[in-house]
Amino acid sequence: MDARDRLESLRYLVGNTPLLAIRLRFRGREQTVYAKQESLNFTGSIKDRMALHILEDAVLSGALQPGMEITEATSGNTGISFAALGRALGHQVRIYMPDWMSRERVLVIQSLGATIVPVSHAEGGFKGSLELAASYAASKDGVFQPLQFDNQANCSAHEKTTGPEIHEQLRLIGKRLTGFVAGVGTGGTVMGVGRYLKQRVGKVAVHPLEPANSPTLRTGNKVGKHRIQGISDEFIPSIVDLEFLDPIVDAWDGDAILMAQMLARELGLAVGISSGANLLGAIQVSDAQGPDAVVATVFADSNKKYLSTDLCGVEEPQDHYLSRDVELIGFDVIPPRPLRA
C-alpha cells in the first residue's frame, strides 16, 4: 500500500465528529452553545485534522517522500498527531517540545515510536523548540518540517472540514451560526473555520480566545504564565490575521480548569483545559449576542492527557471567574453526516 492509499484510509479516522448542544444557564438566562467533540478523532484531538491535511498536501506535492523523517516543534497534541499519522505512513518522527508539558503527552508520543527532545526554559522554551527543530532539519538531508505555525494547509484543514461540518450539522436542526470561538495555539482552527463561515454564512462573528493570564494576542509578546496547555505559545503565529477576526475573548486558566471539571463532573464530558476555556469564551459571546445567538466552539481533546496536572486538583474559585455563574443543564448530540463511500 503506497502513501496515497494509506491517506485514503486515514481520512475515515479523522474529522466528521458529533456536535454537542450544551444547555446551560448563565447569570439566570438559559442558552445553548455548540461544541465539536474532537476527542473522537484518531489520536483523540482536533490536531489530527491539521496533521493529516498537512501530510496529505506534502505527499501530493512531493515535499514528503518515502523514507523522510518528520520533525516538528509542538506543545503536545500536534506531536501526538504527527507521531501516529507519521508512523501510519511509514515515517520516523522527531518531536521538540517544552519540558513542562504534561507527562501523559510525553508518554503517548514515546509510545508511538517517536523521538522526543525536551526543551527547557533556559534553552528557550517554545521558541527554543522551534529554533532547534529548524536547526536539526537544516543539518540533515531527508527531513520534512510541517511548520504548523506558518503552513496555510493548517487553516485549509479547518476550512475544508471543521467549518463545513459545523455549518451542516446546525443546518440540519434549523439553526444558522452567529458566532464561533476557538483558542489560538497555531490559529489554524479559528482562521480556517472563520474563512469558511465568513464566505458561506456571511454575517458571523469569529473570535480568537487566549488566556487572560497571558494575553499574547493583545500584546504581541509572551506576558505572564498560564496553565491552558496547547494555546498561547509565546508568540502570534504567522497564519493568524487578527484584522480578519473579531475581537479577542479571554478566559482565566483557573476558570477554564473549573469549567472543564464541571463538564466532567456534571455532564460526564471529560474534556481538557482548553475546552473549558473555549466554552467560557462561547458563553461570553452568546451572552453578548442575546437570545437569538447560535454560537459554536470546539472541545479540542479529552482529559486523559491532563491527569497529572491541575485539572485533577482542587482549584479555588475567584470572584471574577465566570464559571461561578454557570449552571450546566444537559446536552444533546447532533450526529455527523455519514461519510460517502
C-alpha atoms as a PDB file:
ATOM      1  CA  MET A   1       0.000   0.000   0.000  1.00  0.00           C
ATOM      2  CA  ASP A   2       1.515   3.356  -1.030  1.00  0.00           C
ATOM      3  CA  ALA A   3       1.178   6.642   0.846  1.00  0.00           C
ATOM      4  CA  ARG A   4      -1.865   7.812  -1.124  1.00  0.00           C
ATOM      5  CA  ASP A   5      -3.758   4.615  -0.356  1.00  0.00           C
ATOM      6  CA  ARG A   6      -2.858   4.939   3.331  1.00  0.00           C
ATOM      7  CA  LEU A   7      -4.028   8.544   3.362  1.00  0.00           C
ATOM      8  CA  GLU A   8      -7.337   7.494   1.840  1.00  0.00           C
ATOM      9  CA  SER A   9      -7.848   5.027   4.694  1.00  0.00           C
ATOM     10  CA  LEU A  10      -6.784   7.500   7.386  1.00  0.00           C
ATOM     11  CA  ARG A  11      -9.420  10.012   6.260  1.00  0.00           C
ATOM     12  CA  TYR A  12     -12.062   7.726   7.743  1.00  0.00           C
ATOM     13  CA  LEU A  13     -10.447   8.150  11.176  1.00  0.00           C
ATOM     14  CA  VAL A  14     -10.237  11.938  11.191  1.00  0.00           C
ATOM     15  CA  GLY A  15     -12.998  14.531  11.295  1.00  0.00           C
ATOM     16  CA  ASN A  16     -16.756  14.114  10.875  1.00  0.00           C
ATOM     17  CA  THR A  17     -17.238  14.370  14.643  1.00  0.00           C
ATOM     18  CA  PRO A  18     -20.515  14.912  16.541  1.00  0.00           C
ATOM     19  CA  LEU A  19     -21.659  18.393  17.528  1.00  0.00           C
ATOM     20  CA  LEU A  20     -22.805  18.763  21.127  1.00  0.00           C
ATOM     21  CA  ALA A  21     -25.609  21.159  22.062  1.00  0.00           C
ATOM     22  CA  ILE A  22     -24.695  22.224  25.614  1.00  0.00           C
ATOM     23  CA  ARG A  23     -27.711  23.536  27.519  1.00  0.00           C
ATOM     24  CA  LEU A  24     -26.885  25.850  30.432  1.00  0.00           C
ATOM     25  CA  ARG A  25     -27.896  28.889  32.441  1.00  0.00           C
ATOM     26  CA  PHE A  26     -25.565  31.845  32.668  1.00  0.00           C
ATOM     27  CA  ARG A  27     -26.484  34.531  35.174  1.00  0.00           C
ATOM     28  CA  GLY A  28     -30.038  33.261  35.186  1.00  0.00           C
ATOM     29  CA  ARG A  29     -30.616  33.177  31.407  1.00  0.00           C
ATOM     30  CA  GLU A  30     -30.881  29.827  29.657  1.00  0.00           C
ATOM     31  CA  GLN A  31     -28.830  29.408  26.499  1.00  0.00           C
ATOM     32  CA  THR A  32     -27.421  26.691  24.265  1.00  0.00           C
ATOM     33  CA  VAL A  33     -23.903  26.702  22.882  1.00  0.00           C
ATOM     34  CA  TYR A  34     -22.497  24.138  20.481  1.00  0.00           C
ATOM     35  CA  ALA A  35     -19.168  22.286  20.611  1.00  0.00           C
ATOM     36  CA  LYS A  36     -17.486  19.800  18.292  1.00  0.00           C
ATOM     37  CA  GLN A  37     -16.465  16.669  20.210  1.00  0.00           C
ATOM     38  CA  GLU A  38     -12.929  16.412  18.814  1.00  0.00           C
ATOM     39  CA  SER A  39     -11.704  13.725  21.205  1.00  0.00           C
ATOM     40  CA  LEU A  40     -13.277  11.225  18.787  1.00  0.00           C
ATOM     41  CA  ASN A  41     -10.542  11.831  16.210  1.00  0.00           C
ATOM     42  CA  PHE A  42      -7.815   9.244  15.503  1.00  0.00           C
ATOM     43  CA  THR A  43      -5.462  10.205  18.359  1.00  0.00           C
ATOM     44  CA  GLY A  44      -8.087  11.985  20.446  1.00  0.00           C
ATOM     45  CA  SER A  45      -7.677  15.640  19.493  1.00  0.00           C
ATOM     46  CA  ILE A  46      -8.569  18.240  16.890  1.00  0.00           C
ATOM     47  CA  LYS A  47      -4.918  18.346  15.806  1.00  0.00           C
ATOM     48  CA  ASP A  48      -5.440  15.193  13.750  1.00  0.00           C
ATOM     49  CA  ARG A  49      -7.325  17.293  11.197  1.00  0.00           C
ATOM     50  CA  MET A  50      -4.417  19.656  10.644  1.00  0.00           C
ATOM     51  CA  ALA A  51      -1.730  16.958  10.760  1.00  0.00           C
ATOM     52  CA  LEU A  52      -3.472  14.723   8.239  1.00  0.00           C
ATOM     53  CA  HIS A  53      -4.129  17.616   5.860  1.00  0.00           C
ATOM     54  CA  ILE A  54      -0.533  18.867   6.038  1.00  0.00           C
ATOM     55  CA  LEU A  55       0.863  15.377   5.447  1.00  0.00           C
ATOM     56  CA  GLU A  56      -1.543  14.734   2.578  1.00  0.00           C
ATOM     57  CA  ASP A  57      -0.630  18.052   0.986  1.00  0.00           C
ATOM     58  CA  ALA A  58       3.077  17.231   1.375  1.00  0.00           C
ATOM     59  CA  VAL A  59       2.720  13.761  -0.123  1.00  0.00           C
ATOM     60  CA  LEU A  60       0.745  15.032  -3.115  1.00  0.00           C
ATOM     61  CA  SER A  61       3.189  17.895  -3.737  1.00  0.00           C
ATOM     62  CA  GLY A  62       6.216  15.631  -3.382  1.00  0.00           C
ATOM     63  CA  ALA A  63       7.584  17.521  -0.363  1.00  0.00           C
ATOM     64  CA  LEU A  64       7.261  14.361   1.761  1.00  0.00           C
ATOM     65  CA  GLN A  65       8.953  11.371   0.157  1.00  0.00           C
ATOM     66  CA  PRO A  66       9.197   7.769   1.388  1.00  0.00           C
ATOM     67  CA  GLY A  67      11.949   7.370   3.980  1.00  0.00           C
ATOM     68  CA  MET A  68      11.971  11.000   5.068  1.00  0.00           C
ATOM     69  CA  GLU A  69      11.856  11.902   8.748  1.00  0.00           C
ATOM     70  CA  ILE A  70       9.120  14.215  10.066  1.00  0.00           C
ATOM     71  CA  THR A  71      10.361  16.816  12.558  1.00  0.00           C
ATOM     72  CA  GLU A  72       8.148  19.317  14.383  1.00  0.00           C
ATOM     73  CA  ALA A  73       8.049  21.614  17.412  1.00  0.00           C
ATOM     74  CA  THR A  74       4.848  21.245  19.423  1.00  0.00           C
ATOM     75  CA  SER A  75       3.245  21.701  22.818  1.00  0.00           C
ATOM     76  CA  GLY A  76       1.767  18.209  22.755  1.00  0.00           C
ATOM     77  CA  ASN A  77      -1.340  17.266  20.788  1.00  0.00           C
ATOM     78  CA  THR A  78       0.223  18.097  17.425  1.00  0.00           C
ATOM     79  CA  GLY A  79       3.210  15.929  18.323  1.00  0.00           C
ATOM     80  CA  ILE A  80       0.891  13.041  19.113  1.00  0.00           C
ATOM     81  CA  SER A  81      -0.930  13.512  15.807  1.00  0.00           C
ATOM     82  CA  PHE A  82       2.244  13.647  13.719  1.00  0.00           C
ATOM     83  CA  ALA A  83       3.733  10.711  15.636  1.00  0.00           C
ATOM     84  CA  ALA A  84       0.718   8.487  14.962  1.00  0.00           C
ATOM     85  CA  LEU A  85      -0.046   9.609  11.417  1.00  0.00           C
ATOM     86  CA  GLY A  86       3.631   9.720  10.509  1.00  0.00           C
ATOM     87  CA  ARG A  87       4.165   6.148  11.686  1.00  0.00           C
ATOM     88  CA  ALA A  88       0.968   5.054   9.885  1.00  0.00           C
ATOM     89  CA  LEU A  89       2.532   6.435   6.698  1.00  0.00           C
ATOM     90  CA  GLY A  90       5.861   4.729   7.424  1.00  0.00           C
ATOM     91  CA  HIS A  91       7.953   7.711   8.596  1.00  0.00           C
ATOM     92  CA  GLN A  92      10.188   8.234  11.596  1.00  0.00           C
ATOM     93  CA  VAL A  93       9.101  11.212  13.713  1.00  0.00           C
ATOM     94  CA  ARG A  94      11.140  13.576  15.903  1.00  0.00           C
ATOM     95  CA  ILE A  95       9.344  15.997  18.245  1.00  0.00           C
ATOM     96  CA  TYR A  96      10.790  19.055  20.028  1.00  0.00           C
ATOM     97  CA  MET A  97       8.628  20.021  23.000  1.00  0.00           C
ATOM     98  CA  PRO A  98       8.886  22.299  26.064  1.00  0.00           C
ATOM     99  CA  ASP A  99       9.757  20.172  29.082  1.00  0.00           C
ATOM    100  CA  TRP A 100       6.877  21.491  31.200  1.00  0.00           C
ATOM    101  CA  MET A 101       4.147  19.834  29.137  1.00  0.00           C
ATOM    102  CA  SER A 102       2.144  17.085  30.863  1.00  0.00           C
ATOM    103  CA  ARG A 103       3.828  13.738  31.470  1.00  0.00           C
ATOM    104  CA  GLU A 104       0.966  11.990  29.672  1.00  0.00           C
ATOM    105  CA  ARG A 105       1.776  13.866  26.448  1.00  0.00           C
ATOM    106  CA  VAL A 106       5.380  12.692  26.602  1.00  0.00           C
ATOM    107  CA  LEU A 107       4.450   9.067  27.278  1.00  0.00           C
ATOM    108  CA  VAL A 108       1.879   8.931  24.482  1.00  0.00           C
ATOM    109  CA  ILE A 109       4.330  10.357  21.928  1.00  0.00           C
ATOM    110  CA  GLN A 110       7.036   7.932  23.039  1.00  0.00           C
ATOM    111  CA  SER A 111       4.599   5.022  22.888  1.00  0.00           C
ATOM    112  CA  LEU A 112       4.022   5.856  19.221  1.00  0.00           C
ATOM    113  CA  GLY A 113       7.700   5.326  18.473  1.00  0.00           C
ATOM    114  CA  ALA A 114       8.645   8.987  18.087  1.00  0.00           C
ATOM    115  CA  THR A 115      11.786  10.600  19.477  1.00  0.00           C
ATOM    116  CA  ILE A 116      11.158  13.461  21.922  1.00  0.00           C
ATOM    117  CA  VAL A 117      13.677  16.236  22.522  1.00  0.00           C
ATOM    118  CA  PRO A 118      12.639  18.153  25.681  1.00  0.00           C
ATOM    119  CA  VAL A 119      13.441  21.876  25.678  1.00  0.00           C
ATOM    120  CA  SER A 120      13.821  23.786  28.945  1.00  0.00           C
ATOM    121  CA  HIS A 121      13.062  27.430  29.754  1.00  0.00           C
ATOM    122  CA  ALA A 122      16.816  28.042  29.728  1.00  0.00           C
ATOM    123  CA  GLU A 123      17.007  26.654  26.194  1.00  0.00           C
ATOM    124  CA  GLY A 124      14.283  28.986  25.003  1.00  0.00           C
ATOM    125  CA  GLY A 125      11.053  27.175  25.830  1.00  0.00           C
ATOM    126  CA  PHE A 126       8.660  27.050  22.907  1.00  0.00           C
ATOM    127  CA  LYS A 127      10.617  29.451  20.730  1.00  0.00           C
ATOM    128  CA  GLY A 128      13.685  27.371  21.501  1.00  0.00           C
ATOM    129  CA  SER A 129      11.818  24.259  20.353  1.00  0.00           C
ATOM    130  CA  LEU A 130      11.067  25.931  17.019  1.00  0.00           C
ATOM    131  CA  GLU A 131      14.679  27.005  16.583  1.00  0.00           C
ATOM    132  CA  LEU A 132      16.087  23.593  17.473  1.00  0.00           C
ATOM    133  CA  ALA A 133      13.680  21.808  15.120  1.00  0.00           C
ATOM    134  CA  ALA A 134      14.625  24.166  12.286  1.00  0.00           C
ATOM    135  CA  SER A 135      18.344  23.722  13.005  1.00  0.00           C
ATOM    136  CA  TYR A 136      18.002  19.945  13.011  1.00  0.00           C
ATOM    137  CA  ALA A 137      16.094  19.954   9.721  1.00  0.00           C
ATOM    138  CA  ALA A 138      18.693  22.204   8.106  1.00  0.00           C
ATOM    139  CA  SER A 139      21.552  19.991   9.270  1.00  0.00           C
ATOM    140  CA  LYS A 140      20.296  16.792   7.637  1.00  0.00           C
ATOM    141  CA  ASP A 141      19.007  15.620   4.290  1.00  0.00           C
ATOM    142  CA  GLY A 142      15.650  13.900   4.109  1.00  0.00           C
ATOM    143  CA  VAL A 143      13.830  15.820   6.860  1.00  0.00           C
ATOM    144  CA  PHE A 144      10.314  17.192   6.384  1.00  0.00           C
ATOM    145  CA  GLN A 145       9.074  20.018   8.620  1.00  0.00           C
ATOM    146  CA  PRO A 146       5.283  20.535   8.749  1.00  0.00           C
ATOM    147  CA  LEU A 147       5.771  24.089  10.128  1.00  0.00           C
ATOM    148  CA  GLN A 148       2.282  24.146  11.628  1.00  0.00           C
ATOM    149  CA  PHE A 149       2.504  27.806  12.711  1.00  0.00           C
ATOM    150  CA  ASP A 150       3.287  29.003   9.185  1.00  0.00           C
ATOM    151  CA  ASN A 151       1.668  26.417   6.922  1.00  0.00           C
ATOM    152  CA  GLN A 152      -1.573  27.559   5.274  1.00  0.00           C
ATOM    153  CA  ALA A 153      -2.558  23.897   4.911  1.00  0.00           C
ATOM    154  CA  ASN A 154      -3.263  24.101   8.654  1.00  0.00           C
ATOM    155  CA  CYS A 155      -6.019  26.662   8.012  1.00  0.00           C
ATOM    156  CA  SER A 156      -7.232  24.785   4.929  1.00  0.00           C
ATOM    157  CA  ALA A 157      -7.850  21.667   7.010  1.00  0.00           C
ATOM    158  CA  HIS A 158     -10.470  23.510   9.059  1.00  0.00           C
ATOM    159  CA  GLU A 159     -11.808  25.495   6.118  1.00  0.00           C
ATOM    160  CA  LYS A 160     -12.488  22.211   4.311  1.00  0.00           C
ATOM    161  CA  THR A 161     -13.684  20.072   7.242  1.00  0.00           C
ATOM    162  CA  THR A 162     -14.427  21.672  10.630  1.00  0.00           C
ATOM    163  CA  GLY A 163     -16.237  24.731   9.285  1.00  0.00           C
ATOM    164  CA  PRO A 164     -18.450  22.881   6.790  1.00  0.00           C
ATOM    165  CA  GLU A 165     -19.281  20.205   9.385  1.00  0.00           C
ATOM    166  CA  ILE A 166     -20.466  22.760  11.941  1.00  0.00           C
ATOM    167  CA  HIS A 167     -22.495  24.648   9.323  1.00  0.00           C
ATOM    168  CA  GLU A 168     -24.159  21.487   8.004  1.00  0.00           C
ATOM    169  CA  GLN A 169     -24.911  19.994  11.427  1.00  0.00           C
ATOM    170  CA  LEU A 170     -26.593  23.217  12.551  1.00  0.00           C
ATOM    171  CA  ARG A 171     -28.482  23.495   9.254  1.00  0.00           C
ATOM    172  CA  LEU A 172     -29.945  20.034   9.823  1.00  0.00           C
ATOM    173  CA  ILE A 173     -31.584  21.279  13.044  1.00  0.00           C
ATOM    174  CA  GLY A 174     -32.701  24.556  11.503  1.00  0.00           C
ATOM    175  CA  LYS A 175     -30.023  26.769  13.040  1.00  0.00           C
ATOM    176  CA  ARG A 176     -27.790  29.424  11.481  1.00  0.00           C
ATOM    177  CA  LEU A 177     -24.499  30.197  13.185  1.00  0.00           C
ATOM    178  CA  THR A 178     -23.997  33.702  14.578  1.00  0.00           C
ATOM    179  CA  GLY A 179     -20.647  33.214  16.302  1.00  0.00           C
ATOM    180  CA  PHE A 180     -17.613  30.952  16.612  1.00  0.00           C
ATOM    181  CA  VAL A 181     -14.885  30.937  19.282  1.00  0.00           C
ATOM    182  CA  ALA A 182     -11.631  28.958  19.432  1.00  0.00           C
ATOM    183  CA  GLY A 183      -8.450  29.180  21.462  1.00  0.00           C
ATOM    184  CA  VAL A 184      -5.355  30.122  19.464  1.00  0.00           C
ATOM    185  CA  GLY A 185      -2.427  27.727  19.523  1.00  0.00           C
ATOM    186  CA  THR A 186      -1.392  27.768  15.881  1.00  0.00           C
ATOM    187  CA  GLY A 187      -4.568  29.673  14.991  1.00  0.00           C
ATOM    188  CA  GLY A 188      -5.443  27.186  12.266  1.00  0.00           C
ATOM    189  CA  THR A 189      -8.853  26.339  13.722  1.00  0.00           C
ATOM    190  CA  VAL A 190     -10.156  29.889  14.158  1.00  0.00           C
ATOM    191  CA  MET A 191      -8.689  31.068  10.841  1.00  0.00           C
ATOM    192  CA  GLY A 192      -9.874  28.092   8.787  1.00  0.00           C
ATOM    193  CA  VAL A 193     -13.352  27.881  10.290  1.00  0.00           C
ATOM    194  CA  GLY A 194     -13.573  31.673  10.068  1.00  0.00           C
ATOM    195  CA  ARG A 195     -12.751  31.709   6.363  1.00  0.00           C
ATOM    196  CA  TYR A 196     -15.408  29.137   5.599  1.00  0.00           C
ATOM    197  CA  LEU A 197     -18.083  30.781   7.742  1.00  0.00           C
ATOM    198  CA  LYS A 198     -17.486  34.316   6.508  1.00  0.00           C
ATOM    199  CA  GLN A 199     -17.691  33.103   2.898  1.00  0.00           C
ATOM    200  CA  ARG A 200     -20.629  30.736   3.337  1.00  0.00           C
ATOM    201  CA  VAL A 201     -22.677  32.142   6.220  1.00  0.00           C
ATOM    202  CA  GLY A 202     -21.827  35.813   5.813  1.00  0.00           C
ATOM    203  CA  LYS A 203     -22.591  37.830   8.928  1.00  0.00           C
ATOM    204  CA  VAL A 204     -20.970  35.753  11.653  1.00  0.00           C
ATOM    205  CA  ALA A 205     -18.591  36.778  14.436  1.00  0.00           C
ATOM    206  CA  VAL A 206     -15.371  34.730  14.661  1.00  0.00           C
ATOM    207  CA  HIS A 207     -13.444  35.301  17.877  1.00  0.00           C
ATOM    208  CA  PRO A 208      -9.956  34.102  18.860  1.00  0.00           C
ATOM    209  CA  LEU A 209      -9.537  33.143  22.510  1.00  0.00           C
ATOM    210  CA  GLU A 210      -6.459  33.390  24.718  1.00  0.00           C
ATOM    211  CA  PRO A 211      -5.651  33.047  28.432  1.00  0.00           C
ATOM    212  CA  ALA A 212      -6.388  36.178  30.461  1.00  0.00           C
ATOM    213  CA  ASN A 213      -3.212  35.337  32.426  1.00  0.00           C
ATOM    214  CA  SER A 214      -1.032  35.605  29.318  1.00  0.00           C
ATOM    215  CA  PRO A 215      -2.535  37.924  26.657  1.00  0.00           C
ATOM    216  CA  THR A 216      -0.081  37.258  23.832  1.00  0.00           C
ATOM    217  CA  LEU A 217      -2.559  38.182  21.086  1.00  0.00           C
ATOM    218  CA  ARG A 218      -3.322  41.515  22.714  1.00  0.00           C
ATOM    219  CA  THR A 219       0.314  42.434  23.346  1.00  0.00           C
ATOM    220  CA  GLY A 220       2.217  40.630  20.594  1.00  0.00           C
ATOM    221  CA  ASN A 221       4.592  39.044  23.103  1.00  0.00           C
ATOM    222  CA  LYS A 222       4.586  36.454  25.844  1.00  0.00           C
ATOM    223  CA  VAL A 223       3.165  38.016  29.006  1.00  0.00           C
ATOM    224  CA  GLY A 224       2.843  36.062  32.238  1.00  0.00           C
ATOM    225  CA  LYS A 225       2.215  32.332  32.621  1.00  0.00           C
ATOM    226  CA  HIS A 226      -0.851  30.155  32.220  1.00  0.00           C
ATOM    227  CA  ARG A 227      -1.954  26.519  32.539  1.00  0.00           C
ATOM    228  CA  ILE A 228      -4.069  26.098  29.398  1.00  0.00           C
ATOM    229  CA  GLN A 229      -1.763  23.755  27.514  1.00  0.00           C
ATOM    230  CA  GLY A 230      -2.000  23.961  23.733  1.00  0.00           C
ATOM    231  CA  ILE A 231      -2.838  27.652  23.328  1.00  0.00           C
ATOM    232  CA  SER A 232      -0.864  30.903  23.622  1.00  0.00           C
ATOM    233  CA  ASP A 233       2.572  29.532  22.752  1.00  0.00           C
ATOM    234  CA  GLU A 234       4.577  32.712  23.450  1.00  0.00           C
ATOM    235  CA  PHE A 235       4.075  34.422  20.050  1.00  0.00           C
ATOM    236  CA  ILE A 236       1.476  35.202  17.378  1.00  0.00           C
ATOM    237  CA  PRO A 237       1.706  32.603  14.578  1.00  0.00           C
ATOM    238  CA  SER A 238       2.157  33.964  11.054  1.00  0.00           C
ATOM    239  CA  ILE A 239      -1.052  32.274   9.841  1.00  0.00           C
ATOM    240  CA  VAL A 240      -3.138  34.338  12.291  1.00  0.00           C
ATOM    241  CA  ASP A 241      -4.659  37.516  10.838  1.00  0.00           C
ATOM    242  CA  LEU A 242      -6.179  39.448  13.727  1.00  0.00           C
ATOM    243  CA  GLU A 243      -7.590  42.046  11.314  1.00  0.00           C
ATOM    244  CA  PHE A 244      -9.701  39.299   9.720  1.00  0.00           C
ATOM    245  CA  LEU A 245     -11.033  38.127  13.074  1.00  0.00           C
ATOM    246  CA  ASP A 246     -13.464  39.689  15.526  1.00  0.00           C
ATOM    247  CA  PRO A 247     -12.390  40.960  18.968  1.00  0.00           C
ATOM    248  CA  ILE A 248     -10.316  38.690  21.200  1.00  0.00           C
ATOM    249  CA  VAL A 249     -12.070  36.994  24.116  1.00  0.00           C
ATOM    250  CA  ASP A 250     -10.243  35.505  27.055  1.00  0.00           C
ATOM    251  CA  ALA A 251     -10.552  33.134  29.984  1.00  0.00           C
ATOM    252  CA  TRP A 252      -8.535  32.799  33.189  1.00  0.00           C
ATOM    253  CA  ASP A 253      -6.742  29.473  33.411  1.00  0.00           C
ATOM    254  CA  GLY A 254      -8.260  28.654  36.811  1.00  0.00           C
ATOM    255  CA  ASP A 255     -11.716  29.437  35.433  1.00  0.00           C
ATOM    256  CA  ALA A 256     -11.055  27.129  32.462  1.00  0.00           C
ATOM    257  CA  ILE A 257      -9.987  24.349  34.845  1.00  0.00           C
ATOM    258  CA  LEU A 258     -13.158  24.764  36.908  1.00  0.00           C
ATOM    259  CA  MET A 259     -15.310  24.777  33.768  1.00  0.00           C
ATOM    260  CA  ALA A 260     -13.673  21.599  32.472  1.00  0.00           C
ATOM    261  CA  GLN A 261     -14.144  19.974  35.881  1.00  0.00           C
ATOM    262  CA  MET A 262     -17.837  20.939  35.827  1.00  0.00           C
ATOM    263  CA  LEU A 263     -18.321  19.438  32.360  1.00  0.00           C
ATOM    264  CA  ALA A 264     -16.850  16.145  33.563  1.00  0.00           C
ATOM    265  CA  ARG A 265     -18.487  16.039  36.975  1.00  0.00           C
ATOM    266  CA  GLU A 266     -21.951  17.226  35.975  1.00  0.00           C
ATOM    267  CA  LEU A 267     -22.373  16.084  32.352  1.00  0.00           C
ATOM    268  CA  GLY A 268     -19.847  13.258  32.028  1.00  0.00           C
ATOM    269  CA  LEU A 269     -17.949  15.168  29.329  1.00  0.00           C
ATOM    270  CA  ALA A 270     -14.288  14.515  30.147  1.00  0.00           C
ATOM    271  CA  VAL A 271     -12.530  17.345  28.319  1.00  0.00           C
ATOM    272  CA  GLY A 272      -9.187  19.110  28.511  1.00  0.00           C
ATOM    273  CA  ILE A 273      -8.484  22.539  29.998  1.00  0.00           C
ATOM    274  CA  SER A 274      -8.655  24.386  26.668  1.00  0.00           C
ATOM    275  CA  SER A 275     -12.159  23.006  26.150  1.00  0.00           C
ATOM    276  CA  GLY A 276     -13.222  24.618  29.415  1.00  0.00           C
ATOM    277  CA  ALA A 277     -11.714  27.886  28.181  1.00  0.00           C
ATOM    278  CA  ASN A 278     -13.469  27.573  24.818  1.00  0.00           C
ATOM    279  CA  LEU A 279     -16.820  27.013  26.497  1.00  0.00           C
ATOM    280  CA  LEU A 280     -16.311  30.097  28.663  1.00  0.00           C
ATOM    281  CA  GLY A 281     -15.497  32.097  25.530  1.00  0.00           C
ATOM    282  CA  ALA A 282     -18.575  30.793  23.720  1.00  0.00           C
ATOM    283  CA  ILE A 283     -20.768  31.654  26.719  1.00  0.00           C
ATOM    284  CA  GLN A 284     -19.418  35.222  26.722  1.00  0.00           C
ATOM    285  CA  VAL A 285     -20.132  35.683  23.016  1.00  0.00           C
ATOM    286  CA  SER A 286     -23.560  34.057  23.250  1.00  0.00           C
ATOM    287  CA  ASP A 287     -24.480  36.251  26.208  1.00  0.00           C
ATOM    288  CA  ALA A 288     -23.372  39.399  24.373  1.00  0.00           C
ATOM    289  CA  GLN A 289     -25.309  38.469  21.223  1.00  0.00           C
ATOM    290  CA  GLY A 290     -28.545  37.870  23.104  1.00  0.00           C
ATOM    291  CA  PRO A 291     -31.392  35.327  22.922  1.00  0.00           C
ATOM    292  CA  ASP A 292     -31.059  34.640  19.177  1.00  0.00           C
ATOM    293  CA  ALA A 293     -27.372  33.701  19.413  1.00  0.00           C
ATOM    294  CA  VAL A 294     -26.146  30.445  17.901  1.00  0.00           C
ATOM    295  CA  VAL A 295     -22.507  30.184  18.979  1.00  0.00           C
ATOM    296  CA  ALA A 296     -20.163  27.240  18.433  1.00  0.00           C
ATOM    297  CA  THR A 297     -16.726  26.221  19.622  1.00  0.00           C
ATOM    298  CA  VAL A 298     -14.593  23.071  19.819  1.00  0.00           C
ATOM    299  CA  PHE A 299     -13.829  20.670  22.625  1.00  0.00           C
ATOM    300  CA  ALA A 300     -10.291  20.092  21.395  1.00  0.00           C
ATOM    301  CA  ASP A 301      -9.447  16.939  23.356  1.00  0.00           C
ATOM    302  CA  SER A 302     -10.276  14.817  26.399  1.00  0.00           C
ATOM    303  CA  ASN A 303      -8.953  14.973  29.967  1.00  0.00           C
ATOM    304  CA  LYS A 304      -6.700  11.934  29.529  1.00  0.00           C
ATOM    305  CA  LYS A 305      -3.511  13.904  28.833  1.00  0.00           C
ATOM    306  CA  TYR A 306      -4.012  16.135  31.889  1.00  0.00           C
ATOM    307  CA  LEU A 307      -4.435  13.642  34.707  1.00  0.00           C
ATOM    308  CA  SER A 308      -1.165  14.737  36.326  1.00  0.00           C
ATOM    309  CA  THR A 309      -1.983  18.463  36.016  1.00  0.00           C
ATOM    310  CA  ASP A 310      -4.114  20.906  37.986  1.00  0.00           C
ATOM    311  CA  LEU A 311      -7.139  19.718  36.016  1.00  0.00           C
ATOM    312  CA  CYS A 312      -7.362  16.875  38.514  1.00  0.00           C
ATOM    313  CA  GLY A 313      -6.539  19.027  41.534  1.00  0.00           C
ATOM    314  CA  VAL A 314      -8.539  21.379  43.715  1.00  0.00           C
ATOM    315  CA  GLU A 315      -8.994  24.781  42.108  1.00  0.00           C
ATOM    316  CA  GLU A 316     -10.248  27.640  44.253  1.00  0.00           C
ATOM    317  CA  PRO A 317     -12.915  29.774  42.535  1.00  0.00           C
ATOM    318  CA  GLN A 318     -12.219  33.509  42.345  1.00  0.00           C
ATOM    319  CA  ASP A 319     -14.793  36.291  42.436  1.00  0.00           C
ATOM    320  CA  HIS A 320     -14.126  37.285  38.815  1.00  0.00           C
ATOM    321  CA  TYR A 321     -14.464  33.748  37.411  1.00  0.00           C
ATOM    322  CA  LEU A 322     -17.407  33.280  35.060  1.00  0.00           C
ATOM    323  CA  SER A 323     -17.843  29.598  35.940  1.00  0.00           C
ATOM    324  CA  ARG A 324     -19.355  30.731  39.250  1.00  0.00           C
ATOM    325  CA  ASP A 325     -22.356  31.989  37.256  1.00  0.00           C
ATOM    326  CA  VAL A 326     -22.753  28.917  35.014  1.00  0.00           C
ATOM    327  CA  GLU A 327     -25.260  26.155  35.675  1.00  0.00           C
ATOM    328  CA  LEU A 328     -24.939  23.195  33.320  1.00  0.00           C
ATOM    329  CA  ILE A 329     -28.290  21.603  32.444  1.00  0.00           C
ATOM    330  CA  GLY A 330     -27.504  18.863  29.925  1.00  0.00           C
ATOM    331  CA  PHE A 331     -26.533  18.217  26.334  1.00  0.00           C
ATOM    332  CA  ASP A 332     -27.869  16.765  23.116  1.00  0.00           C
ATOM    333  CA  VAL A 333     -25.864  15.199  20.297  1.00  0.00           C
ATOM    334  CA  ILE A 334     -26.114  16.289  16.668  1.00  0.00           C
ATOM    335  CA  PRO A 335     -24.550  13.391  14.734  1.00  0.00           C
ATOM    336  CA  PRO A 336     -22.199  13.837  11.798  1.00  0.00           C
ATOM    337  CA  ARG A 337     -23.333  13.091   8.290  1.00  0.00           C
ATOM    338  CA  PRO A 338     -22.365   9.610   7.080  1.00  0.00           C
ATOM    339  CA  LEU A 339     -19.185   9.586   5.009  1.00  0.00           C
ATOM    340  CA  ARG A 340     -19.662   8.979   1.300  1.00  0.00           C
ATOM    341  CA  ALA A 341     -18.346   5.652   0.081  1.00  0.00           C
END
